[in-house]
Amino acid sequence: MKHKIFVNGIKCYAFHGCLPEEGRIGGHYVVDVVLETNFSQAALLDTLADTIDYVDVNRIVIEEMAIRSKLIEHVGQRIVGRLRNELKGISALQLKITKICPPINGDVDSVAISIEA
């Protein structure tokens, strides 16, 4: 049986970007995480210890988003590494970081990166 946990729409205000202004002004980001795991025991026994705690996923994302990077690709790789290292039972994961209203000299709602690991 395949189980997935979705933590969607983690909203962050962060200071990523190649432009100096982005480091001073910041911008809005949305992060989505999908974790493949086996939560059969948690479903059977109703125990948090037998699954992945959403609180931990949110905490890791918020902590890494708070560290400035030029590229959201770099931030994404850090988040994936921490999720893999700190949370047990992940067989696969997908991460998406969306940057809202990027300063790219055009009328663009958002840009995003996705990492599957």
PDB file of N, CA and C in Angstrom:
ATOM      1  N   MET A   1       0.843  -1.181   0.000  1.00  0.00           N
ATOM      2  CA  MET A   1       0.000   0.000   0.000  1.00  0.00           C
ATOM      3  C   MET A   1       0.888   1.245   0.000  1.00  0.00           C
ATOM      4  N   LYS A   2       0.501   2.227  -0.786  1.00  0.00           N
ATOM      5  CA  LYS A   2       1.260   3.477  -0.859  1.00  0.00           C
ATOM      6  C   LYS A   2       0.506   4.554  -0.094  1.00  0.00           C
ATOM      7  N   HIS A   3       1.201   5.243   0.796  1.00  0.00           N
ATOM      8  CA  HIS A   3       0.615   6.330   1.579  1.00  0.00           C
ATOM      9  C   HIS A   3       1.353   7.627   1.263  1.00  0.00           C
ATOM     10  N   LYS A   4       0.600   8.714   1.228  1.00  0.00           N
ATOM     11  CA  LYS A   4       1.204  10.029   1.019  1.00  0.00           C
ATOM     12  C   LYS A   4       0.660  10.997   2.057  1.00  0.00           C
ATOM     13  N   ILE A   5       1.542  11.880   2.499  1.00  0.00           N
ATOM     14  CA  ILE A   5       1.171  12.977   3.392  1.00  0.00           C
ATOM     15  C   ILE A   5       1.429  14.269   2.620  1.00  0.00           C
ATOM     16  N   PHE A   6       0.432  15.143   2.600  1.00  0.00           N
ATOM     17  CA  PHE A   6       0.528  16.419   1.896  1.00  0.00           C
ATOM     18  C   PHE A   6       0.524  17.544   2.924  1.00  0.00           C
ATOM     19  N   VAL A   7       1.521  18.408   2.856  1.00  0.00           N
ATOM     20  CA  VAL A   7       1.526  19.643   3.649  1.00  0.00           C
ATOM     21  C   VAL A   7       1.576  20.762   2.612  1.00  0.00           C
ATOM     22  N   ASN A   8       0.420  21.353   2.371  1.00  0.00           N
ATOM     23  CA  ASN A   8       0.256  22.299   1.263  1.00  0.00           C
ATOM     24  C   ASN A   8       0.103  23.737   1.745  1.00  0.00           C
ATOM     25  N   GLY A   9       0.625  24.637   0.943  1.00  0.00           N
ATOM     26  CA  GLY A   9       0.389  26.054   1.173  1.00  0.00           C
ATOM     27  C   GLY A   9       1.091  26.626   2.391  1.00  0.00           C
ATOM     28  N   ILE A  10       2.317  26.175   2.648  1.00  0.00           N
ATOM     29  CA  ILE A  10       3.100  26.770   3.740  1.00  0.00           C
ATOM     30  C   ILE A  10       3.506  28.163   3.269  1.00  0.00           C
ATOM     31  N   LYS A  11       2.965  29.171   3.911  1.00  0.00           N
ATOM     32  CA  LYS A  11       3.202  30.550   3.486  1.00  0.00           C
ATOM     33  C   LYS A  11       4.396  31.140   4.233  1.00  0.00           C
ATOM     34  N   CYS A  12       5.286  31.763   3.470  1.00  0.00           N
ATOM     35  CA  CYS A  12       6.502  32.338   4.049  1.00  0.00           C
ATOM     36  C   CYS A  12       6.743  33.718   3.436  1.00  0.00           C
ATOM     37  N   TYR A  13       7.321  34.585   4.217  1.00  0.00           N
ATOM     38  CA  TYR A  13       7.869  35.836   3.701  1.00  0.00           C
ATOM     39  C   TYR A  13       9.374  35.681   3.845  1.00  0.00           C
ATOM     40  N   ALA A  14      10.088  35.734   2.717  1.00  0.00           N
ATOM     41  CA  ALA A  14      11.527  35.462   2.751  1.00  0.00           C
ATOM     42  C   ALA A  14      12.259  36.432   1.830  1.00  0.00           C
ATOM     43  N   PHE A  15      13.574  36.345   1.856  1.00  0.00           N
ATOM     44  CA  PHE A  15      14.434  37.332   1.198  1.00  0.00           C
ATOM     45  C   PHE A  15      15.355  36.691   0.161  1.00  0.00           C
ATOM     46  N   HIS A  16      14.824  35.793  -0.651  1.00  0.00           N
ATOM     47  CA  HIS A  16      15.609  35.120  -1.675  1.00  0.00           C
ATOM     48  C   HIS A  16      15.595  35.909  -2.977  1.00  0.00           C
ATOM     49  N   GLY A  17      16.665  35.782  -3.722  1.00  0.00           N
ATOM     50  CA  GLY A  17      16.727  36.409  -5.036  1.00  0.00           C
ATOM     51  C   GLY A  17      18.117  36.915  -5.354  1.00  0.00           C
ATOM     52  N   CYS A  18      18.381  37.055  -6.624  1.00  0.00           N
ATOM     53  CA  CYS A  18      19.694  37.529  -7.085  1.00  0.00           C
ATOM     54  C   CYS A  18      19.844  39.044  -6.983  1.00  0.00           C
ATOM     55  N   LEU A  19      18.738  39.751  -6.977  1.00  0.00           N
ATOM     56  CA  LEU A  19      18.798  41.215  -6.899  1.00  0.00           C
ATOM     57  C   LEU A  19      19.000  41.684  -5.461  1.00  0.00           C
ATOM     58  N   PRO A  20      19.837  42.700  -5.259  1.00  0.00           N
ATOM     59  CA  PRO A  20      20.034  43.223  -3.904  1.00  0.00           C
ATOM     60  C   PRO A  20      18.731  43.670  -3.244  1.00  0.00           C
ATOM     61  N   GLU A  21      17.815  44.211  -4.055  1.00  0.00           N
ATOM     62  CA  GLU A  21      16.528  44.677  -3.513  1.00  0.00           C
ATOM     63  C   GLU A  21      15.733  43.530  -2.886  1.00  0.00           C
ATOM     64  N   GLU A  22      15.842  42.336  -3.461  1.00  0.00           N
ATOM     65  CA  GLU A  22      15.119  41.183  -2.936  1.00  0.00           C
ATOM     66  C   GLU A  22      15.621  40.813  -1.543  1.00  0.00           C
ATOM     67  N   GLY A  23      16.902  41.050  -1.316  1.00  0.00           N
ATOM     68  CA  GLY A  23      17.469  40.795   0.005  1.00  0.00           C
ATOM     69  C   GLY A  23      17.017  41.798   1.045  1.00  0.00           C
ATOM     70  N   ARG A  24      16.627  42.991   0.604  1.00  0.00           N
ATOM     71  CA  ARG A  24      16.163  44.023   1.531  1.00  0.00           C
ATOM     72  C   ARG A  24      14.648  44.027   1.682  1.00  0.00           C
ATOM     73  N   ILE A  25      13.945  43.873   0.569  1.00  0.00           N
ATOM     74  CA  ILE A  25      12.488  44.001   0.565  1.00  0.00           C
ATOM     75  C   ILE A  25      11.796  42.668   0.848  1.00  0.00           C
ATOM     76  N   GLY A  26      12.318  41.594   0.289  1.00  0.00           N
ATOM     77  CA  GLY A  26      11.705  40.278   0.468  1.00  0.00           C
ATOM     78  C   GLY A  26      10.480  40.073  -0.399  1.00  0.00           C
ATOM     79  N   GLY A  27       9.858  38.924  -0.225  1.00  0.00           N
ATOM     80  CA  GLY A  27       8.681  38.599  -1.004  1.00  0.00           C
ATOM     81  C   GLY A  27       7.942  37.413  -0.431  1.00  0.00           C
ATOM     82  N   HIS A  28       6.792  37.141  -1.021  1.00  0.00           N
ATOM     83  CA  HIS A  28       5.933  36.056  -0.563  1.00  0.00           C
ATOM     84  C   HIS A  28       6.245  34.758  -1.315  1.00  0.00           C
ATOM     85  N   TYR A  29       6.204  33.655  -0.563  1.00  0.00           N
ATOM     86  CA  TYR A  29       6.460  32.330  -1.101  1.00  0.00           C
ATOM     87  C   TYR A  29       5.418  31.370  -0.557  1.00  0.00           C
ATOM     88  N   VAL A  30       5.160  30.314  -1.336  1.00  0.00           N
ATOM     89  CA  VAL A  30       4.292  29.233  -0.896  1.00  0.00           C
ATOM     90  C   VAL A  30       5.039  27.925  -1.151  1.00  0.00           C
ATOM     91  N   VAL A  31       5.076  27.061  -0.140  1.00  0.00           N
ATOM     92  CA  VAL A  31       5.784  25.797  -0.253  1.00  0.00           C
ATOM     93  C   VAL A  31       4.793  24.654  -0.056  1.00  0.00           C
ATOM     94  N   ASP A  32       4.872  23.657  -0.944  1.00  0.00           N
ATOM     95  CA  ASP A  32       4.061  22.453  -0.856  1.00  0.00           C
ATOM     96  C   ASP A  32       4.986  21.249  -0.743  1.00  0.00           C
ATOM     97  N   VAL A  33       4.638  20.327   0.150  1.00  0.00           N
ATOM     98  CA  VAL A  33       5.452  19.135   0.380  1.00  0.00           C
ATOM     99  C   VAL A  33       4.558  17.903   0.291  1.00  0.00           C
ATOM    100  N   VAL A  34       5.011  16.895  -0.457  1.00  0.00           N
ATOM    101  CA  VAL A  34       4.337  15.601  -0.517  1.00  0.00           C
ATOM    102  C   VAL A  34       5.353  14.549  -0.079  1.00  0.00           C
ATOM    103  N   LEU A  35       4.983  13.771   0.932  1.00  0.00           N
ATOM    104  CA  LEU A  35       5.869  12.743   1.474  1.00  0.00           C
ATOM    105  C   LEU A  35       5.241  11.370   1.274  1.00  0.00           C
ATOM    106  N   GLU A  36       5.986  10.467   0.635  1.00  0.00           N
ATOM    107  CA  GLU A  36       5.545   9.076   0.557  1.00  0.00           C
ATOM    108  C   GLU A  36       6.120   8.343   1.755  1.00  0.00           C
ATOM    109  N   THR A  37       5.262   7.597   2.436  1.00  0.00           N
ATOM    110  CA  THR A  37       5.656   6.906   3.648  1.00  0.00           C
ATOM    111  C   THR A  37       4.721   5.723   3.861  1.00  0.00           C
ATOM    112  N   ASN A  38       4.897   5.021   4.937  1.00  0.00           N
ATOM    113  CA  ASN A  38       3.978   3.957   5.317  1.00  0.00           C
ATOM    114  C   ASN A  38       3.401   4.319   6.683  1.00  0.00           C
ATOM    115  N   PHE A  39       2.147   4.745   6.693  1.00  0.00           N
ATOM    116  CA  PHE A  39       1.537   5.099   7.971  1.00  0.00           C
ATOM    117  C   PHE A  39       0.468   4.090   8.401  1.00  0.00           C
ATOM    118  N   SER A  40       0.661   2.827   8.004  1.00  0.00           N
ATOM    119  CA  SER A  40      -0.285   1.770   8.378  1.00  0.00           C
ATOM    120  C   SER A  40      -0.457   1.669   9.881  1.00  0.00           C
ATOM    121  N   GLN A  41       0.651   1.671  10.627  1.00  0.00           N
ATOM    122  CA  GLN A  41       0.577   1.557  12.090  1.00  0.00           C
ATOM    123  C   GLN A  41      -0.156   2.755  12.705  1.00  0.00           C
ATOM    124  N   ALA A  42       0.140   3.930  12.217  1.00  0.00           N
ATOM    125  CA  ALA A  42      -0.520   5.131  12.733  1.00  0.00           C
ATOM    126  C   ALA A  42      -2.023   5.069  12.459  1.00  0.00           C
ATOM    127  N   ALA A  43      -2.390   4.607  11.262  1.00  0.00           N
ATOM    128  CA  ALA A  43      -3.802   4.508  10.917  1.00  0.00           C
ATOM    129  C   ALA A  43      -4.509   3.457  11.776  1.00  0.00           C
ATOM    130  N   LEU A  44      -3.819   2.385  12.071  1.00  0.00           N
ATOM    131  CA  LEU A  44      -4.389   1.309  12.879  1.00  0.00           C
ATOM    132  C   LEU A  44      -4.487   1.679  14.350  1.00  0.00           C
ATOM    133  N   LEU A  45      -3.407   2.267  14.879  1.00  0.00           N
ATOM    134  CA  LEU A  45      -3.310   2.519  16.321  1.00  0.00           C
ATOM    135  C   LEU A  45      -3.622   3.957  16.734  1.00  0.00           C
ATOM    136  N   ASP A  46      -3.792   4.852  15.763  1.00  0.00           N
ATOM    137  CA  ASP A  46      -4.071   6.258  16.049  1.00  0.00           C
ATOM    138  C   ASP A  46      -2.949   6.904  16.862  1.00  0.00           C
ATOM    139  N   THR A  47      -1.690   6.646  16.422  1.00  0.00           N
ATOM    140  CA  THR A  47      -0.516   7.138  17.142  1.00  0.00           C
ATOM    141  C   THR A  47       0.345   8.037  16.255  1.00  0.00           C
ATOM    142  N   LEU A  48       0.618   9.215  16.753  1.00  0.00           N
ATOM    143  CA  LEU A  48       1.450  10.174  16.025  1.00  0.00           C
ATOM    144  C   LEU A  48       2.877   9.665  15.854  1.00  0.00           C
ATOM    145  N   ALA A  49       3.377   8.918  16.809  1.00  0.00           N
ATOM    146  CA  ALA A  49       4.750   8.422  16.747  1.00  0.00           C
ATOM    147  C   ALA A  49       4.984   7.484  15.556  1.00  0.00           C
ATOM    148  N   ASP A  50       3.918   6.960  14.970  1.00  0.00           N
ATOM    149  CA  ASP A  50       4.047   6.016  13.860  1.00  0.00           C
ATOM    150  C   ASP A  50       3.820   6.652  12.491  1.00  0.00           C
ATOM    151  N   THR A  51       3.903   7.965  12.443  1.00  0.00           N
ATOM    152  CA  THR A  51       3.766   8.673  11.171  1.00  0.00           C
ATOM    153  C   THR A  51       4.674   9.893  11.176  1.00  0.00           C
ATOM    154  N   ILE A  52       4.573  10.707  10.153  1.00  0.00           N
ATOM    155  CA  ILE A  52       5.367  11.934  10.060  1.00  0.00           C
ATOM    156  C   ILE A  52       4.518  13.082  10.579  1.00  0.00           C
ATOM    157  N   ASP A  53       5.072  13.826  11.512  1.00  0.00           N
ATOM    158  CA  ASP A  53       4.362  14.941  12.147  1.00  0.00           C
ATOM    159  C   ASP A  53       4.409  16.163  11.233  1.00  0.00           C
ATOM    160  N   TYR A  54       3.234  16.673  10.871  1.00  0.00           N
ATOM    161  CA  TYR A  54       3.149  17.857  10.008  1.00  0.00           C
ATOM    162  C   TYR A  54       3.849  19.053  10.625  1.00  0.00           C
ATOM    163  N   VAL A  55       3.849  19.124  11.939  1.00  0.00           N
ATOM    164  CA  VAL A  55       4.507  20.229  12.646  1.00  0.00           C
ATOM    165  C   VAL A  55       5.997  20.252  12.308  1.00  0.00           C
ATOM    166  N   ASP A  56       6.617  19.084  12.257  1.00  0.00           N
ATOM    167  CA  ASP A  56       8.047  19.006  11.937  1.00  0.00           C
ATOM    168  C   ASP A  56       8.316  19.421  10.497  1.00  0.00           C
ATOM    169  N   VAL A  57       7.446  19.012   9.589  1.00  0.00           N
ATOM    170  CA  VAL A  57       7.596  19.402   8.181  1.00  0.00           C
ATOM    171  C   VAL A  57       7.524  20.924   8.062  1.00  0.00           C
ATOM    172  N   ASN A  58       6.518  21.517   8.667  1.00  0.00           N
ATOM    173  CA  ASN A  58       6.347  22.973   8.628  1.00  0.00           C
ATOM    174  C   ASN A  58       7.545  23.690   9.239  1.00  0.00           C
ATOM    175  N   ARG A  59       8.022  23.210  10.374  1.00  0.00           N
ATOM    176  CA  ARG A  59       9.159  23.830  11.059  1.00  0.00           C
ATOM    177  C   ARG A  59      10.404  23.835  10.174  1.00  0.00           C
ATOM    178  N   ILE A  60      10.703  22.703   9.559  1.00  0.00           N
ATOM    179  CA  ILE A  60      11.896  22.601   8.700  1.00  0.00           C
ATOM    180  C   ILE A  60      11.777  23.569   7.523  1.00  0.00           C
ATOM    181  N   VAL A  61      10.618  23.618   6.889  1.00  0.00           N
ATOM    182  CA  VAL A  61      10.422  24.523   5.753  1.00  0.00           C
ATOM    183  C   VAL A  61      10.616  25.977   6.189  1.00  0.00           C
ATOM    184  N   ILE A  62       9.971  26.372   7.279  1.00  0.00           N
ATOM    185  CA  ILE A  62      10.070  27.758   7.764  1.00  0.00           C
ATOM    186  C   ILE A  62      11.512  28.118   8.119  1.00  0.00           C
ATOM    187  N   GLU A  63      12.215  27.212   8.803  1.00  0.00           N
ATOM    188  CA  GLU A  63      13.609  27.494   9.184  1.00  0.00           C
ATOM    189  C   GLU A  63      14.501  27.670   7.965  1.00  0.00           C
ATOM    190  N   GLU A  64      14.355  26.823   6.966  1.00  0.00           N
ATOM    191  CA  GLU A  64      15.206  26.922   5.775  1.00  0.00           C
ATOM    192  C   GLU A  64      14.834  28.116   4.902  1.00  0.00           C
ATOM    193  N   MET A  65      13.552  28.420   4.832  1.00  0.00           N
ATOM    194  CA  MET A  65      13.130  29.589   4.045  1.00  0.00           C
ATOM    195  C   MET A  65      13.637  30.885   4.668  1.00  0.00           C
ATOM    196  N   ALA A  66      13.929  30.883   5.949  1.00  0.00           N
ATOM    197  CA  ALA A  66      14.431  32.072   6.642  1.00  0.00           C
ATOM    198  C   ALA A  66      15.906  32.348   6.347  1.00  0.00           C
ATOM    199  N   ILE A  67      16.607  31.386   5.749  1.00  0.00           N
ATOM    200  CA  ILE A  67      18.023  31.552   5.405  1.00  0.00           C
ATOM    201  C   ILE A  67      18.112  32.035   3.960  1.00  0.00           C
ATOM    202  N   ARG A  68      18.632  33.230   3.767  1.00  0.00           N
ATOM    203  CA  ARG A  68      18.672  33.844   2.435  1.00  0.00           C
ATOM    204  C   ARG A  68      19.516  33.047   1.452  1.00  0.00           C
ATOM    205  N   SER A  69      18.990  32.900   0.266  1.00  0.00           N
ATOM    206  CA  SER A  69      19.703  32.312  -0.872  1.00  0.00           C
ATOM    207  C   SER A  69      19.397  33.150  -2.103  1.00  0.00           C
ATOM    208  N   LYS A  70      20.279  33.094  -3.074  1.00  0.00           N
ATOM    209  CA  LYS A  70      20.004  33.773  -4.334  1.00  0.00           C
ATOM    210  C   LYS A  70      18.929  33.021  -5.115  1.00  0.00           C
ATOM    211  N   LEU A  71      18.974  31.701  -5.064  1.00  0.00           N
ATOM    212  CA  LEU A  71      18.093  30.874  -5.882  1.00  0.00           C
ATOM    213  C   LEU A  71      17.154  30.031  -5.028  1.00  0.00           C
ATOM    214  N   ILE A  72      15.888  29.938  -5.453  1.00  0.00           N
ATOM    215  CA  ILE A  72      14.971  29.053  -4.736  1.00  0.00           C
ATOM    216  C   ILE A  72      15.341  27.586  -4.988  1.00  0.00           C
ATOM    217  N   GLU A  73      16.088  27.325  -6.044  1.00  0.00           N
ATOM    218  CA  GLU A  73      16.613  25.980  -6.276  1.00  0.00           C
ATOM    219  C   GLU A  73      17.504  25.553  -5.107  1.00  0.00           C
ATOM    220  N   HIS A  74      18.310  26.482  -4.634  1.00  0.00           N
ATOM    221  CA  HIS A  74      19.222  26.213  -3.521  1.00  0.00           C
ATOM    222  C   HIS A  74      18.448  25.974  -2.227  1.00  0.00           C
ATOM    223  N   VAL A  75      17.474  26.812  -1.962  1.00  0.00           N
ATOM    224  CA  VAL A  75      16.636  26.654  -0.767  1.00  0.00           C
ATOM    225  C   VAL A  75      15.914  25.308  -0.818  1.00  0.00           C
ATOM    226  N   GLY A  76      15.384  24.986  -1.985  1.00  0.00           N
ATOM    227  CA  GLY A  76      14.670  23.718  -2.141  1.00  0.00           C
ATOM    228  C   GLY A  76      15.539  22.522  -1.834  1.00  0.00           C
ATOM    229  N   GLN A  77      16.769  22.543  -2.302  1.00  0.00           N
ATOM    230  CA  GLN A  77      17.678  21.423  -2.050  1.00  0.00           C
ATOM    231  C   GLN A  77      17.994  21.305  -0.558  1.00  0.00           C
ATOM    232  N   ARG A  78      18.139  22.425   0.118  1.00  0.00           N
ATOM    233  CA  ARG A  78      18.367  22.392   1.569  1.00  0.00           C
ATOM    234  C   ARG A  78      17.173  21.788   2.305  1.00  0.00           C
ATOM    235  N   ILE A  79      15.971  22.195   1.906  1.00  0.00           N
ATOM    236  CA  ILE A  79      14.769  21.674   2.557  1.00  0.00           C
ATOM    237  C   ILE A  79      14.674  20.166   2.345  1.00  0.00           C
ATOM    238  N   VAL A  80      14.880  19.712   1.123  1.00  0.00           N
ATOM    239  CA  VAL A  80      14.829  18.276   0.828  1.00  0.00           C
ATOM    240  C   VAL A  80      15.839  17.519   1.684  1.00  0.00           C
ATOM    241  N   GLY A  81      17.056  18.045   1.777  1.00  0.00           N
ATOM    242  CA  GLY A  81      18.082  17.395   2.595  1.00  0.00           C
ATOM    243  C   GLY A  81      17.681  17.266   4.052  1.00  0.00           C
ATOM    244  N   ARG A  82      17.146  18.333   4.599  1.00  0.00           N
ATOM    245  CA  ARG A  82      16.726  18.292   6.007  1.00  0.00           C
ATOM    246  C   ARG A  82      15.553  17.362   6.231  1.00  0.00           C
ATOM    247  N   LEU A  83      14.572  17.392   5.346  1.00  0.00           N
ATOM    248  CA  LEU A  83      13.435  16.475   5.489  1.00  0.00           C
ATOM    249  C   LEU A  83      13.925  15.029   5.477  1.00  0.00           C
ATOM    250  N   ARG A  84      14.790  14.711   4.545  1.00  0.00           N
ATOM    251  CA  ARG A  84      15.344  13.354   4.445  1.00  0.00           C
ATOM    252  C   ARG A  84      16.164  12.972   5.684  1.00  0.00           C
ATOM    253  N   ASN A  85      16.965  13.910   6.177  1.00  0.00           N
ATOM    254  CA  ASN A  85      17.844  13.613   7.313  1.00  0.00           C
ATOM    255  C   ASN A  85      17.131  13.568   8.651  1.00  0.00           C
ATOM    256  N   GLU A  86      16.107  14.388   8.832  1.00  0.00           N
ATOM    257  CA  GLU A  86      15.497  14.550  10.148  1.00  0.00           C
ATOM    258  C   GLU A  86      14.201  13.769  10.358  1.00  0.00           C
ATOM    259  N   LEU A  87      13.544  13.388   9.276  1.00  0.00           N
ATOM    260  CA  LEU A  87      12.274  12.687   9.414  1.00  0.00           C
ATOM    261  C   LEU A  87      12.440  11.236   8.957  1.00  0.00           C
ATOM    262  N   LYS A  88      11.985  10.330   9.767  1.00  0.00           N
ATOM    263  CA  LYS A  88      12.129   8.896   9.478  1.00  0.00           C
ATOM    264  C   LYS A  88      10.941   8.401   8.662  1.00  0.00           C
ATOM    265  N   GLY A  89      11.212   7.426   7.809  1.00  0.00           N
ATOM    266  CA  GLY A  89      10.145   6.739   7.103  1.00  0.00           C
ATOM    267  C   GLY A  89       9.738   7.345   5.774  1.00  0.00           C
ATOM    268  N   ILE A  90      10.525   8.270   5.237  1.00  0.00           N
ATOM    269  CA  ILE A  90      10.199   8.869   3.938  1.00  0.00           C
ATOM    270  C   ILE A  90      10.782   7.980   2.843  1.00  0.00           C
ATOM    271  N   SER A  91       9.917   7.455   1.973  1.00  0.00           N
ATOM    272  CA  SER A  91      10.422   6.658   0.854  1.00  0.00           C
ATOM    273  C   SER A  91      10.632   7.512  -0.393  1.00  0.00           C
ATOM    274  N   ALA A  92       9.876   8.589  -0.519  1.00  0.00           N
ATOM    275  CA  ALA A  92      10.048   9.543  -1.617  1.00  0.00           C
ATOM    276  C   ALA A  92       9.395  10.853  -1.191  1.00  0.00           C
ATOM    277  N   LEU A  93       9.805  11.935  -1.826  1.00  0.00           N
ATOM    278  CA  LEU A  93       9.176  13.214  -1.503  1.00  0.00           C
ATOM    279  C   LEU A  93       9.179  14.118  -2.712  1.00  0.00           C
ATOM    280  N   GLN A  94       8.256  15.047  -2.679  1.00  0.00           N
ATOM    281  CA  GLN A  94       8.191  16.085  -3.699  1.00  0.00           C
ATOM    282  C   GLN A  94       8.043  17.417  -2.983  1.00  0.00           C
ATOM    283  N   LEU A  95       8.800  18.395  -3.435  1.00  0.00           N
ATOM    284  CA  LEU A  95       8.786  19.738  -2.862  1.00  0.00           C
ATOM    285  C   LEU A  95       8.542  20.731  -3.986  1.00  0.00           C
ATOM    286  N   LYS A  96       7.674  21.692  -3.728  1.00  0.00           N
ATOM    287  CA  LYS A  96       7.451  22.772  -4.693  1.00  0.00           C
ATOM    288  C   LYS A  96       7.541  24.091  -3.947  1.00  0.00           C
ATOM    289  N   ILE A  97       8.363  24.998  -4.452  1.00  0.00           N
ATOM    290  CA  ILE A  97       8.468  26.354  -3.910  1.00  0.00           C
ATOM    291  C   ILE A  97       7.978  27.313  -4.986  1.00  0.00           C
ATOM    292  N   THR A  98       6.989  28.121  -4.624  1.00  0.00           N
ATOM    293  CA  THR A  98       6.441  29.113  -5.536  1.00  0.00           C
ATOM    294  C   THR A  98       6.785  30.506  -5.030  1.00  0.00           C
ATOM    295  N   LYS A  99       7.361  31.309  -5.900  1.00  0.00           N
ATOM    296  CA  LYS A  99       7.689  32.703  -5.590  1.00  0.00           C
ATOM    297  C   LYS A  99       6.602  33.571  -6.216  1.00  0.00           C
ATOM    298  N   ILE A 100       5.885  34.297  -5.375  1.00  0.00           N
ATOM    299  CA  ILE A 100       4.760  35.107  -5.827  1.00  0.00           C
ATOM    300  C   ILE A 100       5.262  36.458  -6.360  1.00  0.00           C
ATOM    301  N   CYS A 101       4.738  36.878  -7.492  1.00  0.00           N
ATOM    302  CA  CYS A 101       5.079  38.170  -8.114  1.00  0.00           C
ATOM    303  C   CYS A 101       6.586  38.414  -8.193  1.00  0.00           C
ATOM    304  N   PRO A 102       7.313  37.571  -8.907  1.00  0.00           N
ATOM    305  CA  PRO A 102       8.763  37.757  -8.999  1.00  0.00           C
ATOM    306  C   PRO A 102       9.112  39.014  -9.804  1.00  0.00           C
ATOM    307  N   PRO A 103      10.201  39.675  -9.433  1.00  0.00           N
ATOM    308  CA  PRO A 103      10.613  40.884 -10.156  1.00  0.00           C
ATOM    309  C   PRO A 103      11.383  40.526 -11.431  1.00  0.00           C
ATOM    310  N   ILE A 104      10.661  40.114 -12.470  1.00  0.00           N
ATOM    311  CA  ILE A 104      11.335  39.665 -13.698  1.00  0.00           C
ATOM    312  C   ILE A 104      10.984  40.529 -14.901  1.00  0.00           C
ATOM    313  N   ASN A 105      10.609  41.778 -14.642  1.00  0.00           N
ATOM    314  CA  ASN A 105      10.344  42.734 -15.717  1.00  0.00           C
ATOM    315  C   ASN A 105       9.228  42.251 -16.644  1.00  0.00           C
ATOM    316  N   GLY A 106       8.147  41.765 -16.009  1.00  0.00           N
ATOM    317  CA  GLY A 106       6.987  41.320 -16.772  1.00  0.00           C
ATOM    318  C   GLY A 106       5.831  41.071 -15.826  1.00  0.00           C
ATOM    319  N   ASP A 107       4.653  40.899 -16.377  1.00  0.00           N
ATOM    320  CA  ASP A 107       3.459  40.655 -15.580  1.00  0.00           C
ATOM    321  C   ASP A 107       3.304  39.152 -15.380  1.00  0.00           C
ATOM    322  N   VAL A 108       3.932  38.635 -14.324  1.00  0.00           N
ATOM    323  CA  VAL A 108       3.952  37.200 -14.033  1.00  0.00           C
ATOM    324  C   VAL A 108       3.431  36.987 -12.617  1.00  0.00           C
ATOM    325  N   ASP A 109       2.458  36.101 -12.467  1.00  0.00           N
ATOM    326  CA  ASP A 109       1.892  35.803 -11.150  1.00  0.00           C
ATOM    327  C   ASP A 109       2.907  35.132 -10.232  1.00  0.00           C
ATOM    328  N   SER A 110       3.631  34.139 -10.777  1.00  0.00           N
ATOM    329  CA  SER A 110       4.558  33.395  -9.933  1.00  0.00           C
ATOM    330  C   SER A 110       5.535  32.596 -10.793  1.00  0.00           C
ATOM    331  N   VAL A 111       6.601  32.169 -10.149  1.00  0.00           N
ATOM    332  CA  VAL A 111       7.521  31.187 -10.707  1.00  0.00           C
ATOM    333  C   VAL A 111       7.670  30.102  -9.646  1.00  0.00           C
ATOM    334  N   ALA A 112       8.075  28.917 -10.063  1.00  0.00           N
ATOM    335  CA  ALA A 112       8.179  27.831  -9.088  1.00  0.00           C
ATOM    336  C   ALA A 112       9.250  26.835  -9.520  1.00  0.00           C
ATOM    337  N   ILE A 113       9.738  26.105  -8.523  1.00  0.00           N
ATOM    338  CA  ILE A 113      10.627  24.969  -8.770  1.00  0.00           C
ATOM    339  C   ILE A 113      10.003  23.764  -8.087  1.00  0.00           C
ATOM    340  N   SER A 114      10.338  22.596  -8.594  1.00  0.00           N
ATOM    341  CA  SER A 114       9.871  21.348  -8.004  1.00  0.00           C
ATOM    342  C   SER A 114      11.035  20.385  -7.944  1.00  0.00           C
ATOM    343  N   ILE A 115      11.151  19.690  -6.832  1.00  0.00           N
ATOM    344  CA  ILE A 115      12.193  18.680  -6.674  1.00  0.00           C
ATOM    345  C   ILE A 115      11.508  17.385  -6.243  1.00  0.00           C
ATOM    346  N   GLU A 116      11.826  16.297  -6.928  1.00  0.00           N
ATOM    347  CA  GLU A 116      11.369  14.978  -6.521  1.00  0.00           C
ATOM    348  C   GLU A 116      12.580  14.176  -6.086  1.00  0.00           C
ATOM    349  N   ALA A 117      12.510  13.627  -4.904  1.00  0.00           N
ATOM    350  CA  ALA A 117      13.663  12.891  -4.374  1.00  0.00           C
ATOM    351  C   ALA A 117      13.205  11.611  -3.711  1.00  0.00           C
TER     352      ALA A 117
END
